[in-house]
Amino acid sequence: MLLNSLVIENLRSINKFNMDFEPGINLIYGENGKGKTSILEAIYILSISRSFRSHFARNIITDGKSNIKILGKITDNKKSHLKIEYYKLKQKKRIKINEKTINSLSDLLGVFPVTILSPEDIDIIHSNKAKHKFFNMILCHTNKVYLHMLQQYQQTIKQRNTLLSQPLDNSYLQVWDEKLSELGSKMWNIRKDFFDEFIIIFKKLWQQLDCEFSATLQYDITQVLTKEEFYQALAEQVSVDSRRGYTTIGPHRDNINLTFNQMDIKNCGSQGEKKLFLIVLKIAEAVYIGNKMNNEPIILLDDLFAMLDKNRGLKTLRLLTNNFQIFITTTDSNAETYFSNQDDLNFIKLEECEEICFAA
């Protein structure tokens, strides 16, 4: 994929922004509060219609304004041209692809794939919920069948949990257990195949770093059950589930282990080492999506060099082929010199850009 140009109106501190981009690396420099992350946020919104900044996503419209507009012009690997438009008026949003209104997330996912590394991604290290969200999103981008299954599974879990909080009616509960066991068993099979491929990609990338530390990613396949086994397990667990008020087994409870030097990474390693792990994880995501879709995603790296030795940071970038377009933000005024051997560097200094206008 290639993002040729981007227009932003009324997104956070950005009043107006209109800029063309280059293939290769687009390095965006600016002081804190100058809109660097908001530019990445706008690109990400074009991909999945929502912000990656979950802690600050409620009101992204510039103070004093009533609407947002984001427009991206894109070329895919087949040289086809796309125009994606995002509009938001108060709490109502509309998305168009080549002037056609998109009515569901499933119609948008995979059209303009994007991989993002942001400071919030440290949650992937520390939170099982964040791990599930990360890997589910990769699968949703590349497998529409899985996307629809996941949506149905989450709705079924919600219904079952509602029943568990009420006086127990086993006959009614069995209806939801039947549906849950069918969806869950299929999801497990898809996940197993996914992790078989993804783990190989991650291992190869880590080995290329020639790092003195070992790192692994493990998916516990002992939790993968057939439909009949899952249905039986739900029946056996019903008293525990009823007491707790929620469903305690299923794909939503899978164990995904991230290890560093043979230990759970959340309990060891420096902040820089954890960030290095996350960068390789995100590059593995980009490679996997590119392989599955024959269309390399855009890669967004927010504040790449924060808490990371610059030599390690640059080493990870060399893991990427020239097919990827990369956007990197930094507050380091010397960052341009780090790429002195990079022929395809587009250095953007926001303080000197006439293409950006900040809100008063």
Protein backbone atom coordinates (compact mmCIF):
# COMPACT_ATOMS: atom_id res chain seq x y z
CA MET A 1 0.00 0.00 0.00
CA LEU A 2 1.06 3.58 -0.58
CA LEU A 3 -0.58 6.59 1.07
CA ASN A 4 -0.04 9.31 -1.51
CA SER A 5 -1.73 12.20 0.30
CA LEU A 6 -3.64 13.02 3.47
CA VAL A 7 -6.12 15.78 4.33
CA ILE A 8 -7.16 16.43 7.94
CA GLU A 9 -9.66 18.96 9.27
CA ASN A 10 -10.43 19.52 12.96
CA LEU A 11 -8.67 16.53 14.52
CA ARG A 12 -7.49 17.40 18.04
CA SER A 13 -4.93 20.25 17.78
CA ILE A 14 -4.88 20.14 13.96
CA ASN A 15 -7.20 22.64 12.30
CA LYS A 16 -6.07 21.93 8.74
CA PHE A 17 -3.46 19.59 7.25
CA ASN A 18 -2.81 18.71 3.62
CA MET A 19 0.33 16.85 2.61
CA ASP A 20 1.74 14.47 0.00
CA PHE A 21 3.89 11.56 1.13
CA GLU A 22 6.65 9.46 -0.39
CA PRO A 23 7.27 5.70 -0.57
CA GLY A 24 9.77 4.39 1.96
CA ILE A 25 10.27 6.18 5.29
CA ASN A 26 8.40 9.37 6.19
CA LEU A 27 10.06 10.76 9.33
CA ILE A 28 7.87 13.31 11.13
CA TYR A 29 9.71 15.54 13.60
CA GLY A 30 8.13 17.97 16.04
CA GLU A 31 7.97 18.92 19.68
CA ASN A 32 5.34 17.40 21.97
CA GLY A 33 1.85 18.73 21.32
CA LYS A 34 2.56 19.63 17.69
CA GLY A 35 0.23 17.04 16.13
CA LYS A 36 2.66 14.25 15.19
CA THR A 37 0.62 11.49 16.79
CA SER A 38 -2.62 13.00 15.44
CA ILE A 39 -1.30 12.53 11.89
CA LEU A 40 -0.74 8.83 12.59
CA GLU A 41 -4.14 8.70 14.28
CA ALA A 42 -5.82 10.06 11.14
CA ILE A 43 -4.13 7.41 8.99
CA TYR A 44 -5.24 4.69 11.40
CA ILE A 45 -8.83 5.98 11.46
CA LEU A 46 -8.97 5.54 7.66
CA SER A 47 -8.09 1.88 8.22
CA ILE A 48 -10.61 0.83 10.90
CA SER A 49 -12.76 3.95 11.52
CA ARG A 50 -11.61 4.45 15.11
CA SER A 51 -8.63 5.79 17.01
CA PHE A 52 -5.79 3.69 18.42
CA ARG A 53 -5.55 6.14 21.34
CA SER A 54 -8.11 4.31 23.46
CA HIS A 55 -7.57 6.51 26.53
CA PHE A 56 -8.23 9.69 24.52
CA ALA A 57 -10.72 8.49 21.90
CA ARG A 58 -14.00 9.86 23.23
CA ASN A 59 -13.76 13.36 21.80
CA ILE A 60 -11.26 13.72 18.99
CA ILE A 61 -12.90 16.78 17.42
CA THR A 62 -11.00 20.05 17.81
CA ASP A 63 -12.40 22.23 20.60
CA GLY A 64 -14.96 24.67 19.23
CA LYS A 65 -15.58 22.63 16.06
CA SER A 66 -18.48 20.31 15.28
CA ASN A 67 -17.04 17.97 12.66
CA ILE A 68 -13.96 16.07 11.48
CA LYS A 69 -12.87 15.29 7.96
CA ILE A 70 -10.06 12.91 6.99
CA LEU A 71 -9.31 12.05 3.36
CA GLY A 72 -6.61 9.72 2.09
CA LYS A 73 -5.58 8.95 -1.48
CA ILE A 74 -4.02 5.52 -1.76
CA THR A 75 -2.43 3.22 -4.32
CA ASP A 76 -2.49 -0.53 -3.67
CA ASN A 77 -0.04 -3.18 -4.93
CA LYS A 78 -2.09 -3.64 -8.10
CA LYS A 79 -1.68 0.09 -8.84
CA SER A 80 -5.39 0.62 -8.23
CA HIS A 81 -6.31 4.03 -6.81
CA LEU A 82 -8.46 4.39 -3.71
CA LYS A 83 -9.95 7.41 -2.02
CA ILE A 84 -11.08 6.84 1.57
CA GLU A 85 -13.06 9.59 3.33
CA TYR A 86 -14.00 9.74 7.00
CA TYR A 87 -16.50 12.28 8.33
CA LYS A 88 -17.68 12.69 11.89
CA LEU A 89 -20.34 15.16 13.04
CA LYS A 90 -20.63 15.05 16.84
CA GLN A 91 -21.14 11.31 17.49
CA LYS A 92 -22.23 10.30 13.98
CA LYS A 93 -19.63 9.13 11.48
CA ARG A 94 -19.63 8.24 7.80
CA ILE A 95 -17.00 6.47 5.69
CA LYS A 96 -16.74 6.40 1.92
CA ILE A 97 -14.47 4.40 -0.37
CA ASN A 98 -14.30 5.84 -3.88
CA GLU A 99 -17.50 7.80 -3.13
CA LYS A 100 -19.40 4.67 -1.97
CA THR A 101 -20.68 4.77 1.62
CA ILE A 102 -19.47 1.90 3.81
CA ASN A 103 -22.08 0.63 6.26
CA SER A 104 -20.15 -1.95 8.29
CA LEU A 105 -16.69 -2.50 9.71
CA SER A 106 -16.38 -5.78 7.81
CA ASP A 107 -16.57 -3.85 4.52
CA LEU A 108 -13.72 -1.57 5.61
CA LEU A 109 -11.29 -4.01 7.25
CA GLY A 110 -8.58 -5.16 4.86
CA VAL A 111 -9.14 -2.37 2.32
CA PHE A 112 -6.37 -0.19 3.77
CA PRO A 113 -4.42 -2.31 6.29
CA VAL A 114 -2.31 -0.41 8.82
CA THR A 115 0.05 -1.60 11.57
CA ILE A 116 0.57 0.79 14.50
CA LEU A 117 3.12 0.84 17.32
CA SER A 118 2.17 3.38 19.99
CA PRO A 119 3.07 3.86 23.68
CA GLU A 120 -0.30 2.31 24.62
CA ASP A 121 0.84 -1.00 23.11
CA ILE A 122 2.77 -1.75 26.29
CA ASP A 123 -0.63 -3.14 27.40
CA ILE A 124 0.02 -6.12 25.08
CA ILE A 125 2.87 -7.09 27.40
CA HIS A 126 0.88 -6.74 30.62
CA SER A 127 -2.75 -7.50 29.74
CA ASN A 128 -4.27 -10.72 28.40
CA LYS A 129 -7.23 -8.69 27.12
CA ALA A 130 -4.87 -6.48 25.09
CA LYS A 131 -3.13 -9.55 23.64
CA HIS A 132 -6.47 -10.96 22.52
CA LYS A 133 -7.44 -7.63 20.97
CA PHE A 134 -4.13 -7.41 19.09
CA PHE A 135 -4.23 -10.91 17.60
CA ASN A 136 -7.97 -10.78 16.91
CA MET A 137 -7.46 -7.60 14.88
CA ILE A 138 -4.81 -9.29 12.70
CA LEU A 139 -7.20 -12.16 12.01
CA CYS A 140 -10.10 -9.79 11.33
CA HIS A 141 -8.00 -7.91 8.76
CA THR A 142 -7.09 -11.10 6.90
CA ASN A 143 -10.04 -13.46 7.44
CA LYS A 144 -13.61 -12.21 7.02
CA VAL A 145 -15.01 -15.59 8.13
CA TYR A 146 -13.18 -15.21 11.44
CA LEU A 147 -14.42 -11.63 11.78
CA HIS A 148 -18.06 -12.74 11.51
CA MET A 149 -17.44 -15.68 13.87
CA LEU A 150 -15.84 -13.39 16.45
CA GLN A 151 -18.77 -10.98 16.32
CA GLN A 152 -21.26 -13.84 16.80
CA TYR A 153 -19.14 -15.40 19.55
CA GLN A 154 -18.94 -12.15 21.51
CA GLN A 155 -22.72 -11.68 21.23
CA THR A 156 -23.30 -15.26 22.39
CA ILE A 157 -20.95 -14.86 25.36
CA LYS A 158 -22.83 -11.71 26.34
CA GLN A 159 -26.17 -13.54 26.20
CA ARG A 160 -24.82 -16.51 28.17
CA ASN A 161 -23.32 -14.25 30.84
CA THR A 162 -26.68 -12.49 31.21
CA LEU A 163 -28.35 -15.86 31.82
CA LEU A 164 -25.68 -16.86 34.33
CA SER A 165 -26.51 -13.83 36.46
CA GLN A 166 -30.15 -14.95 36.73
CA PRO A 167 -31.82 -17.99 38.36
CA LEU A 168 -30.43 -20.90 36.37
CA ASP A 169 -32.55 -22.41 33.57
CA ASN A 170 -30.45 -25.27 32.16
CA SER A 171 -32.71 -25.89 29.16
CA TYR A 172 -32.35 -22.28 28.00
CA LEU A 173 -28.65 -22.23 28.77
CA GLN A 174 -28.07 -25.33 26.64
CA VAL A 175 -29.28 -23.46 23.55
CA TRP A 176 -26.51 -20.90 23.99
CA ASP A 177 -23.96 -23.58 24.91
CA GLU A 178 -24.71 -25.34 21.63
CA LYS A 179 -24.10 -22.18 19.63
CA LEU A 180 -21.05 -21.23 21.68
CA SER A 181 -19.42 -24.65 21.30
CA GLU A 182 -19.90 -24.59 17.52
CA LEU A 183 -18.43 -21.10 17.12
CA GLY A 184 -15.65 -21.65 19.66
CA SER A 185 -14.37 -24.89 18.14
CA LYS A 186 -14.16 -23.29 14.69
CA MET A 187 -12.39 -20.23 16.09
CA TRP A 188 -9.84 -22.42 17.88
CA ASN A 189 -8.97 -24.21 14.63
CA ILE A 190 -8.48 -20.91 12.82
CA ARG A 191 -6.38 -19.54 15.69
CA LYS A 192 -4.19 -22.66 15.80
CA ASP A 193 -3.40 -22.37 12.07
CA PHE A 194 -2.78 -18.64 12.49
CA PHE A 195 -0.36 -19.03 15.39
CA ASP A 196 1.49 -21.84 13.59
CA GLU A 197 2.32 -19.33 10.83
CA PHE A 198 2.73 -16.21 12.96
CA ILE A 199 5.17 -17.78 15.43
CA ILE A 200 7.47 -18.84 12.57
CA ILE A 201 7.50 -15.26 11.22
CA PHE A 202 8.24 -13.84 14.68
CA LYS A 203 11.08 -16.32 15.31
CA LYS A 204 12.74 -15.55 11.96
CA LEU A 205 12.57 -11.81 12.57
CA TRP A 206 14.01 -12.09 16.07
CA GLN A 207 16.86 -14.29 14.81
CA GLN A 208 17.69 -11.67 12.18
CA LEU A 209 18.21 -9.12 14.96
CA ASP A 210 21.13 -11.26 16.16
CA CYS A 211 20.12 -10.25 19.67
CA GLU A 212 21.84 -11.55 22.80
CA PHE A 213 18.41 -12.24 24.34
CA SER A 214 15.97 -15.00 23.39
CA ALA A 215 12.31 -14.21 22.79
CA THR A 216 9.38 -16.50 22.05
CA LEU A 217 5.65 -16.41 21.44
CA GLN A 218 3.56 -19.41 22.50
CA TYR A 219 -0.09 -20.36 22.00
CA ASP A 220 -1.33 -23.08 24.35
CA ILE A 221 -2.83 -25.67 21.98
CA THR A 222 -4.00 -27.86 24.89
CA GLN A 223 -6.94 -25.46 25.20
CA VAL A 224 -8.16 -26.26 21.65
CA LEU A 225 -11.32 -28.40 21.90
CA THR A 226 -13.73 -29.99 19.45
CA LYS A 227 -17.35 -28.85 19.42
CA GLU A 228 -18.40 -31.85 21.53
CA GLU A 229 -15.54 -31.38 24.01
CA PHE A 230 -16.30 -27.68 24.40
CA TYR A 231 -20.03 -28.35 24.92
CA GLN A 232 -19.21 -30.92 27.61
CA ALA A 233 -16.72 -28.56 29.28
CA LEU A 234 -19.34 -25.80 29.41
CA ALA A 235 -21.81 -28.19 31.06
CA GLU A 236 -19.23 -29.29 33.63
CA GLN A 237 -18.28 -25.69 34.40
CA VAL A 238 -21.81 -24.30 34.67
CA SER A 239 -21.94 -24.18 38.48
CA VAL A 240 -18.63 -22.28 38.62
CA ASP A 241 -19.75 -19.95 35.83
CA SER A 242 -23.09 -19.33 37.56
CA ARG A 243 -21.37 -18.52 40.84
CA ARG A 244 -18.98 -16.07 39.15
CA GLY A 245 -21.53 -14.64 36.73
CA TYR A 246 -19.47 -15.09 33.57
CA THR A 247 -18.17 -17.77 31.18
CA THR A 248 -14.79 -19.01 32.39
CA ILE A 249 -13.72 -21.18 29.43
CA GLY A 250 -13.54 -20.60 25.69
CA PRO A 251 -11.37 -18.85 23.09
CA HIS A 252 -11.80 -15.55 24.97
CA ARG A 253 -9.81 -17.12 27.84
CA ASP A 254 -6.93 -18.48 25.74
CA ASN A 255 -3.39 -18.30 27.09
CA ILE A 256 -0.97 -16.45 24.81
CA ASN A 257 2.50 -16.38 26.34
CA LEU A 258 5.18 -13.81 25.50
CA THR A 259 8.56 -14.84 26.90
CA PHE A 260 11.91 -13.09 27.12
CA ASN A 261 14.95 -15.11 28.20
CA GLN A 262 12.52 -17.96 29.00
CA MET A 263 10.53 -15.80 31.44
CA ASP A 264 7.19 -14.02 31.11
CA ILE A 265 8.24 -10.71 29.58
CA LYS A 266 5.94 -8.66 31.81
CA ASN A 267 8.03 -9.77 34.81
CA CYS A 268 11.49 -9.17 33.34
CA GLY A 269 13.39 -6.97 30.92
CA SER A 270 13.87 -3.24 30.77
CA GLN A 271 11.43 -0.82 29.16
CA GLY A 272 13.71 -0.73 26.11
CA GLU A 273 13.76 -4.52 25.83
CA LYS A 274 9.98 -4.69 26.11
CA LYS A 275 9.67 -2.07 23.38
CA LEU A 276 12.09 -4.03 21.17
CA PHE A 277 9.88 -7.12 21.62
CA LEU A 278 6.80 -5.09 20.67
CA ILE A 279 8.47 -3.67 17.55
CA VAL A 280 9.33 -7.17 16.30
CA LEU A 281 5.78 -8.30 17.15
CA LYS A 282 4.37 -5.42 15.08
CA ILE A 283 6.72 -6.10 12.17
CA ALA A 284 5.62 -9.76 12.28
CA GLU A 285 2.03 -8.48 12.07
CA ALA A 286 2.88 -6.42 8.99
CA VAL A 287 4.67 -9.34 7.30
CA TYR A 288 1.79 -11.73 8.05
CA ILE A 289 -0.84 -9.32 6.70
CA GLY A 290 1.29 -8.64 3.61
CA ASN A 291 1.65 -12.37 2.95
CA LYS A 292 -2.06 -13.09 3.36
CA MET A 293 -3.40 -10.11 1.42
CA ASN A 294 -0.62 -9.68 -1.13
CA ASN A 295 -0.75 -6.04 -0.07
CA GLU A 296 1.75 -4.74 2.47
CA PRO A 297 0.18 -2.61 5.21
CA ILE A 298 1.26 0.92 6.06
CA ILE A 299 3.47 0.88 9.19
CA LEU A 300 3.07 3.62 11.82
CA LEU A 301 5.73 3.92 14.54
CA ASP A 302 4.86 6.56 17.12
CA ASP A 303 7.88 7.94 18.99
CA LEU A 304 10.06 5.05 17.81
CA PHE A 305 13.25 6.06 19.61
CA ALA A 306 11.71 6.73 23.04
CA MET A 307 13.08 4.25 25.63
CA LEU A 308 15.03 2.49 22.86
CA ASP A 309 18.67 2.59 21.90
CA LYS A 310 18.80 4.19 18.45
CA ASN A 311 21.02 1.44 17.03
CA ARG A 312 18.49 -1.19 18.07
CA GLY A 313 15.69 0.90 16.64
CA LEU A 314 17.42 1.22 13.28
CA LYS A 315 18.28 -2.48 13.31
CA THR A 316 14.59 -3.38 13.57
CA LEU A 317 13.77 -1.17 10.58
CA ARG A 318 16.20 -3.18 8.47
CA LEU A 319 13.94 -6.19 9.05
CA LEU A 320 11.43 -4.55 6.73
CA THR A 321 11.62 -4.93 2.98
CA ASN A 322 11.50 -1.91 0.70
CA ASN A 323 7.86 -2.72 -0.07
CA PHE A 324 6.63 -1.08 3.14
CA GLN A 325 5.74 2.58 3.50
CA ILE A 326 6.66 3.64 7.04
CA PHE A 327 5.67 6.68 9.11
CA ILE A 328 7.86 7.43 12.14
CA THR A 329 7.31 10.25 14.63
CA THR A 330 10.06 11.63 16.85
CA THR A 331 10.91 14.52 19.16
CA ASP A 332 14.63 13.94 18.54
CA SER A 333 15.98 16.84 16.46
CA ASN A 334 18.93 14.68 15.37
CA ALA A 335 16.77 11.80 14.12
CA GLU A 336 17.34 12.70 10.46
CA THR A 337 21.04 11.90 10.85
CA TYR A 338 20.18 8.35 11.96
CA PHE A 339 18.99 7.67 8.41
CA SER A 340 22.02 9.05 6.57
CA ASN A 341 22.32 5.83 4.54
CA GLN A 342 18.61 5.73 3.72
CA ASP A 343 17.90 6.82 0.14
CA ASP A 344 14.11 6.86 0.49
CA LEU A 345 13.81 9.18 3.52
CA ASN A 346 11.22 11.96 3.49
CA PHE A 347 11.96 14.26 6.47
CA ILE A 348 8.96 16.32 7.62
CA LYS A 349 9.61 19.08 10.16
CA LEU A 350 6.20 20.19 11.38
CA GLU A 351 7.37 23.58 12.67
CA GLU A 352 8.39 24.51 9.12
CA CYS A 353 5.37 23.03 7.31
CA GLU A 354 3.05 25.42 5.51
CA GLU A 355 0.69 22.45 4.99
CA ILE A 356 -0.40 22.36 8.64
CA CYS A 357 -2.50 24.84 10.60
CA PHE A 358 -3.04 24.38 14.33
CA ALA A 359 -6.15 25.24 16.30
CA ALA A 360 -5.94 28.45 18.30
